[in-house]
Protein backbone atom coordinates (compact mmCIF):
# COMPACT_ATOMS: atom_id res chain seq x y z
CA MET A 1 13.42 -13.77 6.44
CA ASN A 2 14.51 -13.42 2.54
CA SER A 3 15.43 -10.79 0.86
CA SER A 4 15.38 -9.85 -2.95
CA SER A 5 19.44 -9.93 -2.71
CA ASP A 6 19.46 -13.66 -1.79
CA LEU A 7 15.93 -14.86 -3.13
CA ALA A 8 14.85 -15.13 -6.81
CA PRO A 9 11.66 -14.40 -7.99
CA ALA A 10 9.93 -18.02 -8.20
CA HIS A 11 8.15 -17.59 -11.35
CA GLN A 12 11.10 -15.47 -13.00
CA LEU A 13 8.34 -13.17 -15.01
CA GLY A 14 11.09 -11.19 -15.91
CA ASN A 15 12.34 -13.86 -18.49
CA HIS A 16 9.03 -14.34 -19.91
CA PRO A 17 8.25 -10.29 -21.29
CA SER A 18 6.36 -11.74 -24.63
CA ALA A 19 3.72 -12.97 -22.06
CA TYR A 20 2.39 -9.48 -21.12
CA SER A 21 0.75 -6.88 -23.46
CA ASP A 22 2.25 -3.33 -23.01
CA LEU A 23 0.29 -0.77 -23.05
CA ARG A 24 2.58 1.50 -21.80
CA ALA A 25 2.28 3.71 -25.30
CA SER A 26 -1.83 2.59 -25.45
CA LYS A 27 -3.53 6.51 -26.20
CA ARG A 28 -6.94 5.77 -25.01
CA LEU A 29 -5.19 4.27 -21.82
CA ASN A 30 -3.20 6.88 -20.87
CA PHE A 31 -5.93 9.34 -21.51
CA LEU A 32 -8.35 7.48 -19.53
CA HIS A 33 -5.35 7.44 -16.68
CA LEU A 34 -5.42 11.16 -16.76
CA LEU A 35 -8.19 12.10 -17.13
CA GLU A 36 -8.86 10.27 -13.75
CA HIS A 37 -5.66 12.03 -12.70
CA LYS A 38 -6.56 15.51 -12.91
CA PRO A 39 -10.50 17.00 -13.36
CA LEU A 40 -12.01 13.68 -11.93
CA ALA A 41 -9.43 13.99 -8.99
CA TRP A 42 -10.14 17.48 -8.84
CA MET A 43 -14.22 16.86 -8.74
CA LYS A 44 -13.67 14.53 -6.10
CA ALA A 45 -11.24 16.22 -3.95
CA ASN A 46 -13.70 19.21 -3.85
CA GLY A 47 -17.23 17.31 -3.40
CA ILE A 48 -18.14 17.78 -6.92
CA PRO A 49 -20.85 15.49 -8.33
CA GLY A 50 -20.65 14.05 -12.02
CA ALA A 51 -17.05 12.12 -12.36
CA GLY A 52 -18.95 8.80 -12.65
CA MET A 53 -20.79 10.17 -15.43
CA ILE A 54 -17.79 11.81 -17.09
CA ARG A 55 -15.96 8.62 -16.68
CA ARG A 56 -18.57 6.58 -18.30
CA ILE A 57 -18.71 8.87 -20.91
CA ALA A 58 -15.15 8.46 -21.87
CA ARG A 59 -14.96 5.14 -21.79
CA LEU A 60 -17.56 5.01 -24.43
CA ALA A 61 -15.45 7.67 -26.39
CA ALA A 62 -12.51 5.82 -25.54
CA PRO A 63 -13.34 2.07 -24.34
CA LEU A 64 -10.53 0.22 -22.38
CA PRO A 65 -8.07 -1.87 -24.17
CA ARG A 66 -8.80 -5.66 -24.36
CA VAL A 67 -6.85 -7.78 -22.41
CA SER A 68 -6.64 -11.58 -21.08
CA GLY A 69 -4.10 -11.57 -18.75
CA PRO A 70 -1.18 -9.60 -17.21
CA ALA A 71 -0.35 -6.16 -18.72
CA VAL A 72 2.21 -3.58 -17.90
CA VAL A 73 0.29 -0.03 -18.04
CA LYS A 74 1.40 3.55 -17.05
CA THR A 75 0.32 4.45 -13.44
CA ASN A 76 -0.63 7.91 -12.85
CA LEU A 77 2.51 8.23 -10.37
CA GLY A 78 5.25 7.96 -12.93
CA VAL A 79 5.70 4.36 -12.63
CA SER A 80 5.29 1.54 -14.78
CA MET A 81 3.53 -1.66 -13.39
CA LEU A 82 2.84 -5.43 -14.45
CA VAL A 83 -1.45 -5.85 -13.21
CA ASP A 84 -3.37 -8.82 -13.99
CA PRO A 85 -6.76 -6.91 -14.30
CA THR A 86 -8.54 -10.40 -15.17
CA ALA A 87 -7.17 -12.39 -11.91
CA ASP A 88 -7.53 -9.32 -9.31
CA PRO A 89 -10.70 -7.28 -9.24
CA THR A 90 -9.60 -5.10 -5.89
CA LEU A 91 -6.33 -3.63 -6.62
CA GLU A 92 -4.95 -4.55 -9.98
CA ARG A 93 -8.30 -3.95 -12.11
CA PRO A 94 -8.52 -0.53 -10.68
CA LEU A 95 -5.07 0.33 -11.24
CA PHE A 96 -5.24 -1.03 -15.10
CA GLU A 97 -8.70 0.96 -15.49
CA LEU A 98 -7.58 4.35 -13.34
CA GLY A 99 -3.63 4.13 -13.26
CA VAL A 100 -3.95 4.79 -9.44
CA TYR A 101 -5.26 3.18 -5.99
CA GLU A 102 -6.19 4.57 -2.90
CA ALA A 103 -5.55 8.06 -4.07
CA GLY A 104 -5.95 10.27 -0.97
CA THR A 105 -3.24 8.18 0.94
CA LEU A 106 -0.82 8.50 -1.54
CA ARG A 107 -1.54 12.16 -1.49
CA VAL A 108 -0.77 12.16 2.05
CA LEU A 109 2.49 9.96 1.43
CA SER A 110 4.01 12.01 -1.15
CA GLU A 111 3.71 15.48 1.12
CA LEU A 112 5.16 13.21 4.16
CA LEU A 113 8.03 11.48 2.68
CA GLN A 114 11.26 14.01 1.98
CA GLU A 115 14.49 13.05 -0.02
CA GLY A 116 16.83 10.58 2.28
CA ASP A 117 14.05 8.89 4.07
CA VAL A 118 13.55 5.57 5.06
CA PHE A 119 9.85 4.03 4.41
CA VAL A 120 8.51 0.47 5.32
CA ASP A 121 5.58 -1.10 3.48
CA VAL A 122 4.21 -3.93 5.20
CA GLY A 123 1.84 -5.54 2.92
CA ALA A 124 4.00 -4.05 -0.26
CA ASN A 125 1.57 -6.35 -2.77
CA ILE A 126 2.58 -5.25 -6.25
CA GLY A 127 4.31 -2.43 -5.38
CA LEU A 128 2.67 0.65 -5.94
CA ILE A 129 3.19 2.52 -2.80
CA THR A 130 6.55 1.22 -2.48
CA LEU A 131 7.48 2.15 -6.32
CA ALA A 132 6.15 5.77 -5.58
CA ALA A 133 8.04 5.88 -2.30
CA SER A 134 10.80 5.14 -3.97
CA LEU A 135 10.52 8.36 -6.08
CA TRP A 136 9.75 10.46 -3.26
CA VAL A 137 12.50 9.40 -1.03
CA GLY A 138 15.10 9.78 -3.76
CA GLN A 139 18.09 8.13 -4.53
CA THR A 140 19.48 9.01 -1.09
CA GLY A 141 16.97 7.62 0.31
CA THR A 142 15.71 3.55 1.16
CA VAL A 143 12.14 2.09 0.79
CA LEU A 144 12.01 -1.70 2.64
CA ALA A 145 8.97 -3.78 0.90
CA VAL A 146 7.41 -6.62 2.44
CA GLU A 147 5.19 -8.97 0.84
CA PRO A 148 4.71 -12.89 2.25
CA VAL A 149 2.53 -13.99 -1.19
CA PRO A 150 4.97 -15.49 -3.70
CA ARG A 151 3.04 -14.29 -6.80
CA ASN A 152 2.84 -11.01 -5.12
CA TYR A 153 6.38 -10.84 -4.19
CA ASP A 154 7.53 -11.96 -7.74
CA VAL A 155 5.47 -9.08 -9.18
CA LEU A 156 6.71 -6.86 -7.02
CA ASN A 157 10.46 -7.70 -8.06
CA TYR A 158 9.54 -7.37 -11.49
CA ASN A 159 8.06 -3.82 -11.39
CA VAL A 160 10.61 -2.91 -8.97
CA ALA A 161 13.08 -4.24 -12.19
CA LEU A 162 11.03 -2.68 -14.59
CA ASN A 163 11.54 0.79 -13.03
CA ASP A 164 14.99 0.25 -12.29
CA ARG A 165 14.49 1.34 -8.74
CA LYS A 166 18.00 0.64 -6.92
CA ASN A 167 16.69 2.16 -3.33
CA ILE A 168 14.11 -0.26 -2.97
CA ARG A 169 14.87 -3.85 -1.02
CA THR A 170 12.12 -6.25 -0.75
CA TYR A 171 11.85 -8.56 1.81
CA ARG A 172 9.49 -12.27 1.15
CA CYS A 173 8.42 -13.05 4.63
CA ALA A 174 5.25 -11.73 6.59
CA LEU A 175 5.60 -9.71 10.23
CA GLY A 176 3.74 -10.39 13.51
CA SER A 177 5.10 -10.56 17.25
CA GLY A 178 8.01 -12.88 16.25
CA PRO A 179 9.71 -15.08 14.43
CA GLY A 180 8.09 -18.70 12.97
CA MET A 181 6.14 -20.15 10.45
CA GLY A 182 2.62 -19.04 9.53
CA LYS A 183 -0.23 -19.47 6.84
CA MET A 184 -1.95 -17.53 4.37
CA TYR A 185 -5.25 -18.10 3.16
CA GLU A 186 -6.54 -17.41 -0.21
CA ARG A 187 -10.09 -15.59 -0.45
CA PRO A 188 -12.10 -16.65 -3.48
CA GLY A 189 -13.18 -13.58 -5.56
CA VAL A 190 -11.46 -11.02 -3.21
CA GLY A 191 -8.22 -11.28 -5.61
CA TRP A 192 -4.70 -11.54 -4.77
CA VAL A 193 -4.95 -8.16 -2.78
CA GLY A 194 -7.51 -10.36 0.25
CA THR A 195 -4.94 -12.97 1.04
CA SER A 196 -4.27 -12.95 5.12
CA LEU A 197 -2.99 -14.74 7.84
CA VAL A 198 -6.32 -14.28 9.10
CA ARG A 199 -8.40 -17.44 8.57
CA THR A 200 -12.22 -16.51 7.68
CA SER A 201 -15.20 -18.59 6.88
CA ASP A 202 -14.47 -18.22 3.16
CA SER A 203 -10.54 -19.11 3.13
CA SER A 204 -9.53 -21.86 0.66
CA ALA A 205 -5.93 -22.50 -0.21
CA ALA A 206 -3.15 -21.97 2.20
CA HIS A 207 0.85 -21.81 2.23
CA GLU A 208 3.29 -21.61 4.62
CA VAL A 209 4.94 -18.34 5.12
CA THR A 210 8.20 -17.45 7.07
CA MET A 211 7.37 -14.81 9.77
CA SER A 212 9.18 -12.24 11.68
CA SER A 213 8.74 -8.96 13.22
CA LEU A 214 9.28 -5.02 12.52
CA ASP A 215 11.90 -4.52 15.14
CA ALA A 216 13.84 -7.34 13.75
CA LEU A 217 13.73 -6.34 9.94
CA ILE A 218 14.94 -2.69 11.16
CA GLU A 219 17.62 -4.07 12.77
CA GLN A 220 18.54 -6.42 10.03
CA SER A 221 18.18 -3.89 7.89
CA GLY A 222 20.96 -1.62 9.56
CA GLN A 223 18.32 1.77 9.44
CA ALA A 224 19.01 3.97 12.39
CA PHE A 225 15.80 6.16 11.73
CA VAL A 226 12.64 5.20 9.89
CA SER A 227 10.41 7.93 8.74
CA VAL A 228 7.42 6.44 7.75
CA VAL A 229 5.43 2.95 8.04
CA LYS A 230 2.41 1.98 6.18
CA ILE A 231 1.02 -1.34 7.34
CA ASP A 232 -2.24 -3.14 5.41
CA VAL A 233 -2.01 -6.74 6.07
CA GLU A 234 -5.66 -7.64 5.58
CA GLY A 235 -6.55 -8.52 9.84
CA TRP A 236 -3.37 -8.95 11.09
CA GLU A 237 -2.55 -5.25 12.12
CA LEU A 238 -2.52 -5.77 15.38
CA GLU A 239 0.14 -8.40 15.49
CA VAL A 240 2.66 -6.10 13.67
CA LEU A 241 2.21 -3.52 16.03
CA ARG A 242 3.48 -6.39 18.72
CA GLY A 243 6.54 -7.06 16.87
CA ALA A 244 7.28 -3.06 16.96
CA VAL A 245 7.87 -2.20 20.24
CA GLN A 246 10.94 -1.13 20.21
CA LEU A 247 10.50 1.06 16.86
CA LEU A 248 7.35 2.57 18.15
CA SER A 249 8.59 3.47 21.58
CA ARG A 250 11.31 5.84 20.16
CA GLU A 251 11.72 9.53 20.75
CA LYS A 252 11.37 9.90 17.04
CA ALA A 253 9.06 7.40 15.85
CA PRO A 254 7.90 6.62 12.49
CA ALA A 255 4.66 8.22 11.61
CA ILE A 256 1.88 5.40 11.12
CA VAL A 257 -0.35 4.62 8.04
CA ILE A 258 -2.54 2.16 8.95
CA GLU A 259 -5.82 -0.12 8.04
CA TYR A 260 -8.53 0.18 10.67
CA SER A 261 -11.64 -1.97 9.24
CA ARG A 262 -14.07 -3.28 11.22
CA LEU A 263 -15.38 -5.24 8.40
CA ASN A 264 -13.29 -8.30 8.58
CA PRO A 265 -11.88 -10.46 11.69
CA MET A 266 -8.92 -9.32 13.63
CA GLN A 267 -6.04 -11.43 14.84
CA GLY A 268 -5.76 -11.11 18.53
CA GLY A 269 -8.09 -8.20 19.66
CA GLU A 270 -10.59 -6.10 18.05
CA PRO A 271 -9.77 -2.63 15.30
CA ILE A 272 -10.54 -0.72 18.67
CA ASP A 273 -6.66 -2.19 19.80
CA ILE A 274 -5.40 -0.78 17.18
CA TYR A 275 -6.06 2.61 18.40
CA GLY A 276 -5.22 2.12 21.72
CA SER A 277 -2.24 0.69 21.22
CA LEU A 278 -0.47 3.11 19.21
CA LEU A 279 -1.66 5.95 21.29
CA GLU A 280 -0.12 3.87 24.29
CA SER A 281 3.28 4.01 22.58
CA ASN A 282 3.88 7.53 21.71
CA PRO A 283 1.60 10.81 21.49
CA TYR A 284 0.48 10.25 18.43
CA ARG A 285 -1.78 12.61 16.81
CA VAL A 286 -4.65 10.18 14.63
CA TYR A 287 -5.95 11.56 11.62
CA LYS A 288 -8.65 10.44 8.64
CA LEU A 289 -8.99 11.74 5.56
CA ALA A 290 -12.50 14.03 4.59
CA ARG A 291 -13.48 11.68 1.65
CA GLY A 292 -11.61 8.27 2.67
CA LYS A 293 -8.62 6.85 1.23
CA TRP A 294 -10.14 6.82 -2.11
CA ALA A 295 -9.84 10.42 -3.05
CA PRO A 296 -7.49 13.60 -2.24
CA SER A 297 -9.27 15.31 0.66
CA LYS A 298 -8.16 17.11 3.82
CA LEU A 299 -7.12 15.52 6.95
CA ILE A 300 -9.94 15.45 10.04
CA ARG A 301 -8.31 14.79 13.50
CA VAL A 302 -10.00 11.81 14.98
CA GLU A 303 -10.77 13.08 18.45
CA GLY A 304 -11.79 9.71 20.25
CA PRO A 305 -12.86 6.23 18.97
CA GLU A 306 -16.29 7.30 18.28
CA GLN A 307 -15.17 9.51 15.47
CA LEU A 308 -13.04 5.50 14.31
CA PRO A 309 -14.17 4.85 10.66
CA GLU A 310 -15.85 1.21 9.82
CA HIS A 311 -12.98 0.71 6.99
CA ASP A 312 -10.77 3.11 5.59
CA ASN A 313 -7.10 4.40 6.45
CA LEU A 314 -5.76 6.18 9.52
CA PHE A 315 -2.85 8.28 9.73
CA PHE A 316 -1.14 8.48 13.46
CA LEU A 317 1.41 11.17 13.45
CA LEU A 318 3.83 13.17 15.79
CA ASP A 319 4.03 17.11 15.95
CA SER A 320 7.31 16.37 13.93
CA HIS A 321 5.01 15.18 11.53
CA CYS A 322 2.47 17.51 11.63
CA LYS A 323 5.35 20.26 11.08
CA ARG A 324 5.87 18.30 7.54
CA LEU A 325 2.38 18.68 6.25
CA PRO A 326 1.72 21.77 4.56
CA ALA A 327 -1.77 23.69 6.51
CA ARG A 328 -3.86 22.64 3.23
CA MET A 329 -3.72 19.31 4.32
CA PHE A 330 -5.38 19.48 7.20
CA ALA A 331 -9.57 20.41 7.53
């Protein structure tokens, strides 16, 4: 597998900063991000209606800056990022407009990760969670970011360099049950975030990627202990778990944050198999967020398959992980 230490970004994004709008000092955009981060986030977390109306009024008073391509923006997490709201409506447009994405998941990770931890981001995309985690684990911690899509990998490395994060290692490969080659398929209209190893009826262009496994990645990295693993790979989650048998069966196995979706096809099984596979590997407790991954809210225990969501993130936590989280995080 290729890592950022031995592979330069294919498109050399960092060599052409003049091609991008730098909006980090935009008062209008930073005001809208702050509004989203403070009062609107509080309203959503507490189930108070009206956040959407307040957002619309704010945008009338302080319209979003117009861009025709990529732009560098400040996020609500204390990091700056290159995003393209014109090309990716699913992830990069919300990041541009709101300064955050999956705020609920990020809140849990911010409490779960500690100084010195090792975090693995499987499906890192352009690096939002990777960058946030690098702040939370500190200088003595390590983040391993895995992203197979060439364009996303290039932007990921650009964003790592933009924030001068020295504790991040990036890998351009896809993870599955073992080594080999695979094909990534694009989905028109979804954006780069929807690129997947699972071919669907609306898949278009495909490109080959190097395959590895999570167990092999951990061995190569030399990390003896992994604290948290996030997996978001558009229907390929089961294959990633099948390549992580050694890691998941450890006595001190990591917490797992994983996308669970019945809306997209699942390679090698059904979404329910994610639930069963992880429970068989270790005595995990399973949680979901009361208001879903989009808004900070309390963690609710999933007592059985009938309580699994249609499309959301699940949190698989051992007793040791639960003890890291403050009591206020649980319902």
